[in-house]
C-alpha cells in the first residue's frame, strides 16, 4: 500500500512538472510595466422628469440607476479616474433655452472617493429636460487632457429634447477631434426612436449601445464598461492624409485615425528599408446612414505610380465597419560604395465606395483607422507560418511529448497493478 501511494505521488509530480514546463513560459511577461496613463470614465446620467416612471423591476428608473451606481462605485478599479455628470437634474421649469443648459458635473473626474460619490448620487431627483447634446460636449471637456483611455457612459431613458443640436452630430464632432474618446450608450426601457439615437451616438465613436430593462442588466453593463476602461489600449494618432503621394504625411509603425469624405482618396507615405516587411490595414466605419453596397481599397504604390500590392473588401449593408490589409516585403539589396542601401518610399492609398443616403450630411468624412507596422522580413523558416501554426509548433510539440510520457507512465502503472493483482 505504501509503495502504491509513493508511486502515485511520483506520477503526480511528474505530470505537474511537465505541465509547469508548458505554463511557465507563457507567464514570463507578467508584471511588465504597461506605461499607460490613468484611464478616465465619465458616467453621464439622465435625471429628467421621465426617470420617475416605475417600470424597472417594480421601482422607478431613478431608483434603479442609483442602486446600480452604488454597486458600480464599489467595484470601480483603483486605477480608474471616474466622474459623474448629470443632465436635466436642476431646472424644473418650462423655459426650453434654460432647460437645454441643465447639465452639471456631480462628481469631478479623478481619483474616486466612494463615500463622497455615493452621497452625491443619493441627492438626485428626477427634474427637467433631456439635453443630451450639451451634456456630451461638457463630458468631452471633463475628459480633456492626458494620454490614457477616455470613455463616456451615457445612460438615458428618453431622446434629446434640445434639437437642433443633434447629439449624433455632437458625437461625430467629438470623434473628429481625434482624442481617442469612446461613447457607450445605455437606453432604459427604450423606444425605437431612442434606440436609433443612442445607437448613432455610440457608433460615431466606436462605442456600443445596450438596451436595458432590468436593474441587474444596468449594473452589469456599466461595470463591464468601467472595467474595459482599465484595459491597456493604444490611442490612435491623428494623421491627415493628402490628395497626392508627394504631399502625404510620413508615417511610422503605429495606429492612426483620419476622416475621408465620400468619393475622396487619402494618401500616406511609409519608409521601408531593404529586408523589412510592410504590413498595413485600414478600417472605414459608416457612422451615419449609407446606401447598401460599398467597399474599401488599400493600395501600396511606388513614388513612380507603380502598384505593388493591394487589399480590398466589400460589404452589403450588414455591417457598419469594413476592413482590409496588405503585406509587402522589401527585398534585400546592397548599397552603393559600401553605404547602407536607401529606404524605399511606399505610398499607401485609401479609397472607399460608401455613398450617403438621401438627406444625410456628407461632412465630416467617414472615420478611418489605419494601422502601419514595419518589421524585419522573414529570413528563416521559423518566421513563416507552417501549416497554419507558425510558432505554435513548439506548443503542439510540448503537448505531444507530455501526452506520450503520461501514456508511458500510466501504461507502466497499469501493468504493475495487474501483475500485483495476479500475484495476490
Protein backbone atom coordinates (compact mmCIF):
# COMPACT_ATOMS: atom_id res chain seq x y z
CA UNK A 1 0.00 0.00 0.00
CA UNK A 2 2.85 2.40 0.91
CA UNK A 3 4.64 1.57 -2.34
CA UNK A 4 1.47 2.23 -4.32
CA UNK A 5 0.99 5.63 -2.67
CA UNK A 6 4.59 6.62 -3.36
CA UNK A 7 4.21 5.61 -7.00
CA UNK A 8 1.03 7.62 -7.40
CA UNK A 9 2.71 10.65 -5.80
CA UNK A 10 5.65 10.31 -8.18
CA UNK A 11 3.36 10.18 -11.20
CA UNK A 12 1.52 13.28 -9.97
CA UNK A 13 4.78 15.16 -9.51
CA UNK A 14 5.96 14.18 -12.98
CA UNK A 15 2.73 15.39 -14.61
CA UNK A 16 2.82 18.61 -12.58
CA UNK A 17 6.39 19.27 -13.70
CA UNK A 18 5.52 18.65 -17.34
CA UNK A 19 2.51 20.94 -17.07
CA UNK A 20 4.57 23.66 -15.41
CA UNK A 21 7.07 23.44 -18.23
CA UNK A 22 4.34 24.45 -20.63
CA UNK A 23 2.57 27.03 -18.48
CA UNK A 24 5.54 28.95 -17.07
CA UNK A 25 6.91 30.35 -20.35
CA UNK A 26 3.53 31.94 -21.07
CA UNK A 27 3.65 33.87 -17.82
CA UNK A 28 7.17 35.17 -18.27
CA UNK A 29 5.90 38.52 -19.47
CA UNK A 30 3.68 39.07 -16.44
CA UNK A 31 4.41 42.14 -14.40
CA UNK A 32 5.96 44.09 -17.25
CA UNK A 33 5.22 47.83 -16.95
CA UNK A 34 2.49 48.99 -19.30
CA UNK A 35 3.38 52.68 -19.25
CA UNK A 36 -0.29 53.61 -19.61
CA UNK A 37 -1.69 56.83 -18.14
CA UNK A 38 -4.67 56.58 -15.80
CA UNK A 39 -7.87 55.69 -17.69
CA UNK A 40 -10.77 58.13 -17.31
CA UNK A 41 -14.52 57.43 -17.28
CA UNK A 42 -17.35 59.98 -17.10
CA UNK A 43 -20.75 58.50 -16.25
CA UNK A 44 -23.44 60.75 -17.76
CA UNK A 45 -26.84 60.13 -16.16
CA UNK A 46 -30.21 61.36 -17.38
CA UNK A 47 -32.10 62.86 -14.41
CA UNK A 48 -35.01 64.28 -16.42
CA UNK A 49 -38.61 64.06 -15.25
CA UNK A 50 -39.28 60.83 -17.17
CA UNK A 51 -36.92 58.99 -14.81
CA UNK A 52 -39.82 58.90 -12.32
CA UNK A 53 -41.51 56.12 -14.33
CA UNK A 54 -41.82 52.92 -12.28
CA UNK A 55 -41.15 50.21 -14.85
CA UNK A 56 -37.81 48.65 -13.86
CA UNK A 57 -38.36 45.69 -11.55
CA UNK A 58 -41.22 47.48 -9.77
CA UNK A 59 -39.20 50.59 -8.93
CA UNK A 60 -38.57 53.93 -10.59
CA UNK A 61 -35.89 54.28 -13.23
CA UNK A 62 -34.10 56.74 -10.96
CA UNK A 63 -34.06 54.29 -8.05
CA UNK A 64 -32.68 51.54 -10.29
CA UNK A 65 -29.96 53.88 -11.57
CA UNK A 66 -28.97 54.89 -8.02
CA UNK A 67 -28.67 51.26 -6.90
CA UNK A 68 -26.65 50.40 -9.99
CA UNK A 69 -24.33 53.36 -9.46
CA UNK A 70 -23.68 52.37 -5.83
CA UNK A 71 -22.61 48.88 -6.91
CA UNK A 72 -20.52 50.25 -9.76
CA UNK A 73 -18.74 52.69 -7.43
CA UNK A 74 -17.88 49.83 -5.07
CA UNK A 75 -16.43 47.76 -7.93
CA UNK A 76 -14.52 50.51 -9.78
CA UNK A 77 -10.82 49.56 -10.16
CA UNK A 78 -8.40 51.70 -8.16
CA UNK A 79 -6.51 52.81 -11.26
CA UNK A 80 -9.61 54.29 -12.96
CA UNK A 81 -10.33 58.00 -12.57
CA UNK A 82 -14.12 58.27 -12.54
CA UNK A 83 -16.54 61.18 -12.67
CA UNK A 84 -20.33 61.63 -12.77
CA UNK A 85 -22.18 64.21 -14.87
CA UNK A 86 -25.94 64.81 -14.86
CA UNK A 87 -28.37 66.19 -17.39
CA UNK A 88 -31.80 67.54 -16.52
CA UNK A 89 -31.15 67.43 -12.77
CA UNK A 90 -31.61 71.05 -11.70
CA UNK A 91 -34.11 73.07 -13.78
CA UNK A 92 -37.82 72.12 -13.33
CA UNK A 93 -39.28 74.95 -15.42
CA UNK A 94 -40.70 75.22 -18.95
CA UNK A 95 -38.15 77.58 -20.50
CA UNK A 96 -36.50 75.49 -23.20
CA UNK A 97 -33.41 77.67 -23.51
CA UNK A 98 -32.67 77.33 -19.81
CA UNK A 99 -33.57 73.64 -19.71
CA UNK A 100 -31.11 72.86 -22.52
CA UNK A 101 -28.26 74.25 -20.43
CA UNK A 102 -29.11 71.96 -17.50
CA UNK A 103 -26.02 69.77 -17.24
CA UNK A 104 -23.58 69.74 -14.33
CA UNK A 105 -20.58 67.81 -13.03
CA UNK A 106 -21.92 65.95 -10.00
CA UNK A 107 -18.55 64.40 -9.14
CA UNK A 108 -15.31 65.53 -10.89
CA UNK A 109 -13.25 63.09 -12.93
CA UNK A 110 -10.35 61.99 -10.78
CA UNK A 111 -9.33 59.54 -8.05
CA UNK A 112 -12.51 58.04 -6.65
CA UNK A 113 -13.78 58.76 -3.13
CA UNK A 114 -16.55 56.19 -2.99
CA UNK A 115 -18.33 57.67 0.03
CA UNK A 116 -18.40 61.17 -1.44
CA UNK A 117 -19.57 59.92 -4.84
CA UNK A 118 -22.37 57.82 -3.32
CA UNK A 119 -23.53 60.77 -1.23
CA UNK A 120 -23.73 62.92 -4.34
CA UNK A 121 -25.75 60.28 -6.23
CA UNK A 122 -28.19 59.92 -3.32
CA UNK A 123 -29.24 63.58 -3.66
CA UNK A 124 -30.50 63.21 -7.25
CA UNK A 125 -34.20 63.72 -8.01
CA UNK A 126 -35.83 63.47 -11.49
CA UNK A 127 -36.39 67.07 -12.54
CA UNK A 128 -36.25 68.55 -16.02
CA UNK A 129 -35.22 68.35 -19.67
CA UNK A 130 -33.02 65.92 -21.62
CA UNK A 131 -30.10 67.94 -23.09
CA UNK A 132 -28.02 65.00 -24.32
CA UNK A 133 -26.04 67.02 -26.89
CA UNK A 134 -24.88 69.74 -24.47
CA UNK A 135 -24.08 67.10 -21.84
CA UNK A 136 -21.84 65.17 -24.27
CA UNK A 137 -19.94 68.35 -25.16
CA UNK A 138 -19.34 69.12 -21.50
CA UNK A 139 -18.39 65.49 -20.76
CA UNK A 140 -15.77 65.61 -23.52
CA UNK A 141 -14.31 68.68 -21.77
CA UNK A 142 -14.35 66.79 -18.46
CA UNK A 143 -12.06 64.16 -20.01
CA UNK A 144 -9.81 66.56 -21.91
CA UNK A 145 -6.07 66.12 -21.42
CA UNK A 146 -3.90 63.12 -20.63
CA UNK A 147 -2.90 60.15 -22.76
CA UNK A 148 -4.91 57.39 -21.09
CA UNK A 149 -8.12 55.90 -22.42
CA UNK A 150 -11.21 58.10 -22.21
CA UNK A 151 -14.78 56.79 -22.06
CA UNK A 152 -18.20 58.39 -21.67
CA UNK A 153 -21.01 56.12 -20.49
CA UNK A 154 -24.34 57.78 -21.29
CA UNK A 155 -27.46 56.43 -19.53
CA UNK A 156 -30.79 57.87 -20.71
CA UNK A 157 -34.45 56.92 -20.85
CA UNK A 158 -35.52 59.43 -23.50
CA UNK A 159 -34.34 61.08 -26.68
CA UNK A 160 -32.74 64.52 -26.71
CA UNK A 161 -35.14 67.47 -26.28
CA UNK A 162 -32.74 70.20 -27.36
CA UNK A 163 -32.69 69.98 -31.17
CA UNK A 164 -31.35 71.35 -33.49
CA UNK A 165 -28.19 70.42 -31.54
CA UNK A 166 -28.29 66.81 -32.74
CA UNK A 167 -26.45 64.58 -30.21
CA UNK A 168 -25.43 62.25 -33.03
CA UNK A 169 -23.71 65.14 -34.81
CA UNK A 170 -22.11 66.12 -31.49
CA UNK A 171 -20.68 62.59 -31.18
CA UNK A 172 -19.25 62.84 -34.71
CA UNK A 173 -17.62 66.16 -33.88
CA UNK A 174 -16.06 64.59 -30.77
CA UNK A 175 -14.77 61.67 -32.86
CA UNK A 176 -13.36 64.07 -35.48
CA UNK A 177 -11.16 65.70 -32.82
CA UNK A 178 -9.08 62.51 -32.72
CA UNK A 179 -8.73 62.47 -28.92
CA UNK A 180 -9.45 58.74 -28.65
CA UNK A 181 -12.71 59.18 -26.74
CA UNK A 182 -15.33 56.41 -26.83
CA UNK A 183 -19.01 56.95 -26.04
CA UNK A 184 -21.06 53.96 -24.89
CA UNK A 185 -24.81 54.37 -24.50
CA UNK A 186 -27.47 52.57 -22.46
CA UNK A 187 -31.18 53.04 -23.05
CA UNK A 188 -33.55 52.48 -20.11
CA UNK A 189 -36.72 50.81 -21.40
CA UNK A 190 -36.07 52.48 -24.76
CA UNK A 191 -38.44 53.35 -27.57
CA UNK A 192 -37.47 52.69 -31.19
CA UNK A 193 -36.58 56.37 -31.67
CA UNK A 194 -34.38 56.43 -28.57
CA UNK A 195 -32.62 53.23 -29.66
CA UNK A 196 -31.79 54.76 -33.04
CA UNK A 197 -30.44 57.93 -31.47
CA UNK A 198 -28.31 56.19 -28.85
CA UNK A 199 -27.02 53.70 -31.43
CA UNK A 200 -25.96 56.55 -33.69
CA UNK A 201 -24.12 58.27 -30.83
CA UNK A 202 -22.23 55.09 -29.93
CA UNK A 203 -21.35 54.13 -33.50
CA UNK A 204 -19.91 57.58 -34.21
CA UNK A 205 -17.09 56.96 -31.72
CA UNK A 206 -16.74 53.18 -31.97
CA UNK A 207 -18.74 52.58 -28.79
CA UNK A 208 -21.60 50.20 -28.00
CA UNK A 209 -25.33 50.61 -27.41
CA UNK A 210 -27.27 48.43 -24.95
CA UNK A 211 -30.98 48.28 -24.24
CA UNK A 212 -31.69 47.87 -20.51
CA UNK A 213 -34.96 46.81 -18.86
CA UNK A 214 -33.73 45.40 -15.53
CA UNK A 215 -31.52 46.77 -12.79
CA UNK A 216 -29.11 43.80 -12.90
CA UNK A 217 -28.55 44.43 -16.62
CA UNK A 218 -27.75 48.08 -15.92
CA UNK A 219 -25.31 47.25 -13.12
CA UNK A 220 -23.52 44.53 -15.08
CA UNK A 221 -23.16 46.60 -18.25
CA UNK A 222 -21.84 49.74 -16.53
CA UNK A 223 -19.41 47.61 -14.50
CA UNK A 224 -18.23 45.97 -17.70
CA UNK A 225 -17.63 49.31 -19.43
CA UNK A 226 -15.74 50.76 -16.45
CA UNK A 227 -13.56 47.63 -16.28
CA UNK A 228 -12.85 47.89 -20.01
CA UNK A 229 -11.54 51.39 -19.49
CA UNK A 230 -8.80 49.93 -17.27
CA UNK A 231 -7.59 47.60 -20.04
CA UNK A 232 -4.41 48.76 -21.84
CA UNK A 233 -5.29 50.47 -25.11
CA UNK A 234 -3.48 52.07 -27.99
CA UNK A 235 -4.73 55.58 -28.70
CA UNK A 236 -4.81 56.37 -32.42
CA UNK A 237 -2.72 59.32 -33.56
CA UNK A 238 -4.46 61.84 -35.84
CA UNK A 239 -2.94 61.87 -39.33
CA UNK A 240 -4.36 63.99 -42.14
CA UNK A 241 -3.86 62.21 -45.43
CA UNK A 242 -3.15 64.16 -48.61
CA UNK A 243 -4.67 64.08 -52.08
CA UNK A 244 -1.29 63.11 -53.63
CA UNK A 245 1.57 60.91 -52.52
CA UNK A 246 4.21 63.65 -52.72
CA UNK A 247 2.23 65.71 -50.20
CA UNK A 248 1.32 62.78 -47.93
CA UNK A 249 2.44 62.64 -44.27
CA UNK A 250 5.27 60.21 -43.46
CA UNK A 251 4.07 57.54 -41.03
CA UNK A 252 5.99 55.16 -38.80
CA UNK A 253 4.74 51.97 -37.18
CA UNK A 254 1.60 52.80 -35.21
CA UNK A 255 -2.16 53.33 -35.21
CA UNK A 256 -3.58 56.39 -36.98
CA UNK A 257 -7.01 57.94 -37.41
CA UNK A 258 -8.35 60.21 -40.12
CA UNK A 259 -11.57 61.29 -41.87
CA UNK A 260 -12.22 60.54 -45.54
CA UNK A 261 -15.02 62.22 -47.43
CA UNK A 262 -17.25 60.43 -49.92
CA UNK A 263 -15.51 59.95 -53.27
CA UNK A 264 -12.15 61.04 -51.84
CA UNK A 265 -8.75 59.30 -51.88
CA UNK A 266 -6.29 59.66 -49.00
CA UNK A 267 -2.51 59.17 -49.36
CA UNK A 268 0.14 58.33 -46.75
CA UNK A 269 3.87 57.56 -47.04
CA UNK A 270 5.94 54.86 -45.29
CA UNK A 271 9.71 54.28 -45.47
CA UNK A 272 10.69 50.60 -45.77
CA UNK A 273 14.34 49.51 -45.56
CA UNK A 274 15.68 46.54 -47.56
CA UNK A 275 14.97 43.33 -45.66
CA UNK A 276 11.92 44.77 -43.89
CA UNK A 277 8.27 43.98 -44.45
CA UNK A 278 5.41 46.48 -44.54
CA UNK A 279 2.14 45.35 -43.01
CA UNK A 280 -0.79 47.75 -43.24
CA UNK A 281 -4.53 47.54 -42.64
CA UNK A 282 -7.37 50.02 -42.83
CA UNK A 283 -10.90 50.14 -41.41
CA UNK A 284 -13.61 52.57 -42.50
CA UNK A 285 -16.76 52.96 -40.39
CA UNK A 286 -20.17 54.15 -41.55
CA UNK A 287 -21.12 56.48 -38.70
CA UNK A 288 -24.31 57.59 -40.49
CA UNK A 289 -26.95 56.15 -42.84
CA UNK A 290 -25.33 54.94 -46.08
CA UNK A 291 -26.57 53.10 -49.14
CA UNK A 292 -26.04 49.31 -49.22
CA UNK A 293 -23.24 48.01 -51.39
CA UNK A 294 -19.82 49.50 -50.62
CA UNK A 295 -16.14 48.62 -50.45
CA UNK A 296 -12.72 49.75 -49.30
CA UNK A 297 -9.45 49.57 -51.24
CA UNK A 298 -5.92 49.84 -49.80
CA UNK A 299 -3.06 50.07 -52.31
CA UNK A 300 0.72 50.15 -51.89
CA UNK A 301 2.26 52.18 -54.72
CA UNK A 302 5.81 53.31 -55.56
CA UNK A 303 6.60 57.02 -55.86
CA UNK A 304 6.60 56.47 -59.65
CA UNK A 305 3.00 55.29 -59.58
CA UNK A 306 3.58 51.55 -59.98
CA UNK A 307 1.19 49.49 -57.89
CA UNK A 308 3.00 46.94 -55.71
CA UNK A 309 0.16 45.16 -53.91
CA UNK A 310 -3.43 45.84 -52.91
CA UNK A 311 -6.04 44.72 -50.41
CA UNK A 312 -9.78 45.13 -50.90
CA UNK A 313 -13.05 44.20 -49.22
CA UNK A 314 -16.74 44.66 -49.98
CA UNK A 315 -19.88 44.95 -47.84
CA UNK A 316 -23.60 44.70 -48.45
CA UNK A 317 -25.02 46.80 -45.61
CA UNK A 318 -24.97 44.17 -42.85
CA UNK A 319 -22.02 45.73 -41.04
CA UNK A 320 -21.04 49.33 -40.27
CA UNK A 321 -17.29 48.70 -40.48
CA UNK A 322 -15.30 47.27 -43.37
CA UNK A 323 -11.58 46.41 -43.25
CA UNK A 324 -8.78 45.18 -45.47
CA UNK A 325 -5.00 44.87 -45.33
CA UNK A 326 -1.82 44.09 -47.23
CA UNK A 327 1.76 42.85 -46.75
CA UNK A 328 4.82 43.68 -48.82
CA UNK A 329 8.45 42.61 -48.14
CA UNK A 330 11.22 44.88 -49.43
CA UNK A 331 13.92 42.61 -50.95
CA UNK A 332 17.47 42.71 -49.63
CA UNK A 333 19.90 44.72 -51.73
CA UNK A 334 23.43 46.11 -51.45
CA UNK A 335 24.21 49.80 -51.12
CA UNK A 336 26.48 51.78 -53.38
CA UNK A 337 30.17 52.35 -52.46
CA UNK A 338 29.74 50.46 -49.22
CA UNK A 339 26.94 52.72 -47.97
CA UNK A 340 23.79 51.35 -46.46
CA UNK A 341 21.03 50.85 -49.03
CA UNK A 342 18.40 53.58 -49.08
CA UNK A 343 14.87 53.02 -47.86
CA UNK A 344 12.04 52.52 -50.32
CA UNK A 345 9.22 55.08 -50.10
CA UNK A 346 5.89 53.26 -50.27
CA UNK A 347 2.73 55.28 -50.84
CA UNK A 348 -0.46 53.95 -49.23
CA UNK A 349 -3.69 54.99 -50.94
CA UNK A 350 -7.06 54.52 -49.20
CA UNK A 351 -10.30 54.66 -51.19
CA UNK A 352 -13.84 53.70 -50.19
CA UNK A 353 -17.08 53.49 -52.14
CA UNK A 354 -19.56 54.42 -49.41
CA UNK A 355 -22.35 56.72 -50.58
CA UNK A 356 -24.57 58.82 -48.33
CA UNK A 357 -28.26 58.04 -48.09
CA UNK A 358 -30.75 60.70 -49.14
CA UNK A 359 -30.78 63.72 -46.83
CA UNK A 360 -27.68 62.63 -44.90
CA UNK A 361 -24.84 65.07 -44.32
CA UNK A 362 -21.62 64.23 -46.14
CA UNK A 363 -19.31 66.16 -43.80
CA UNK A 364 -17.27 65.44 -41.84
CA UNK A 365 -15.90 62.43 -43.72
CA UNK A 366 -16.23 58.86 -42.53
CA UNK A 367 -13.86 57.81 -39.71
CA UNK A 368 -10.84 55.90 -40.95
CA UNK A 369 -8.35 53.91 -38.86
CA UNK A 370 -5.01 52.94 -40.40
CA UNK A 371 -2.52 50.51 -38.86
CA UNK A 372 1.08 50.56 -40.07
CA UNK A 373 3.72 48.05 -38.98
CA UNK A 374 7.23 47.82 -40.44
CA UNK A 375 9.00 44.67 -39.22
CA UNK A 376 12.04 42.62 -40.14
CA UNK A 377 11.22 40.48 -43.14
CA UNK A 378 11.03 36.66 -42.81
CA UNK A 379 14.52 35.17 -43.20
CA UNK A 380 14.14 31.78 -41.54
CA UNK A 381 11.60 29.02 -41.77
CA UNK A 382 10.60 29.74 -38.17
CA UNK A 383 9.39 33.17 -39.22
CA UNK A 384 6.88 31.79 -41.69
CA UNK A 385 3.63 30.07 -40.77
CA UNK A 386 3.86 26.31 -41.28
CA UNK A 387 0.61 24.54 -41.97
CA UNK A 388 -1.17 27.47 -40.34
CA UNK A 389 0.62 27.03 -37.00
CA UNK A 390 3.63 29.35 -37.28
CA UNK A 391 5.47 29.49 -33.95
CA UNK A 392 2.67 27.45 -32.39
CA UNK A 393 4.66 24.33 -33.31
CA UNK A 394 6.57 24.45 -30.02
CA UNK A 395 3.31 24.29 -28.06
CA UNK A 396 2.00 21.43 -30.19
CA UNK A 397 5.28 19.55 -29.74
CA UNK A 398 5.19 20.07 -25.98
CA UNK A 399 1.64 18.76 -25.78
CA UNK A 400 2.56 15.68 -27.85
CA UNK A 401 5.60 14.97 -25.64
CA UNK A 402 3.54 15.42 -22.49
CA UNK A 403 0.87 13.04 -23.74
CA UNK A 404 3.47 10.47 -24.79
CA UNK A 405 5.25 10.49 -21.42
CA UNK A 406 1.99 10.45 -19.49
CA UNK A 407 0.85 7.47 -21.57
CA UNK A 408 4.07 5.56 -20.83
CA UNK A 409 3.80 6.20 -17.10
CA UNK A 410 0.12 5.30 -16.99
CA UNK A 411 0.72 2.10 -19.01
CA UNK A 412 3.56 1.05 -16.73
CA UNK A 413 1.44 1.78 -13.65
CA UNK A 414 -1.49 -0.25 -15.02
CA UNK A 415 0.76 -3.17 -15.93
CA UNK A 416 2.35 -3.14 -12.46
CA UNK A 417 -1.06 -3.14 -10.77
CA UNK A 418 -2.21 -6.03 -12.98
CA UNK A 419 0.91 -8.02 -12.06
CA UNK A 420 0.32 -7.39 -8.34
CA UNK A 421 -3.32 -8.46 -8.74
CA UNK A 422 -2.31 -11.73 -10.45
CA UNK A 423 0.24 -12.43 -7.70
CA UNK A 424 -2.31 -11.87 -4.96
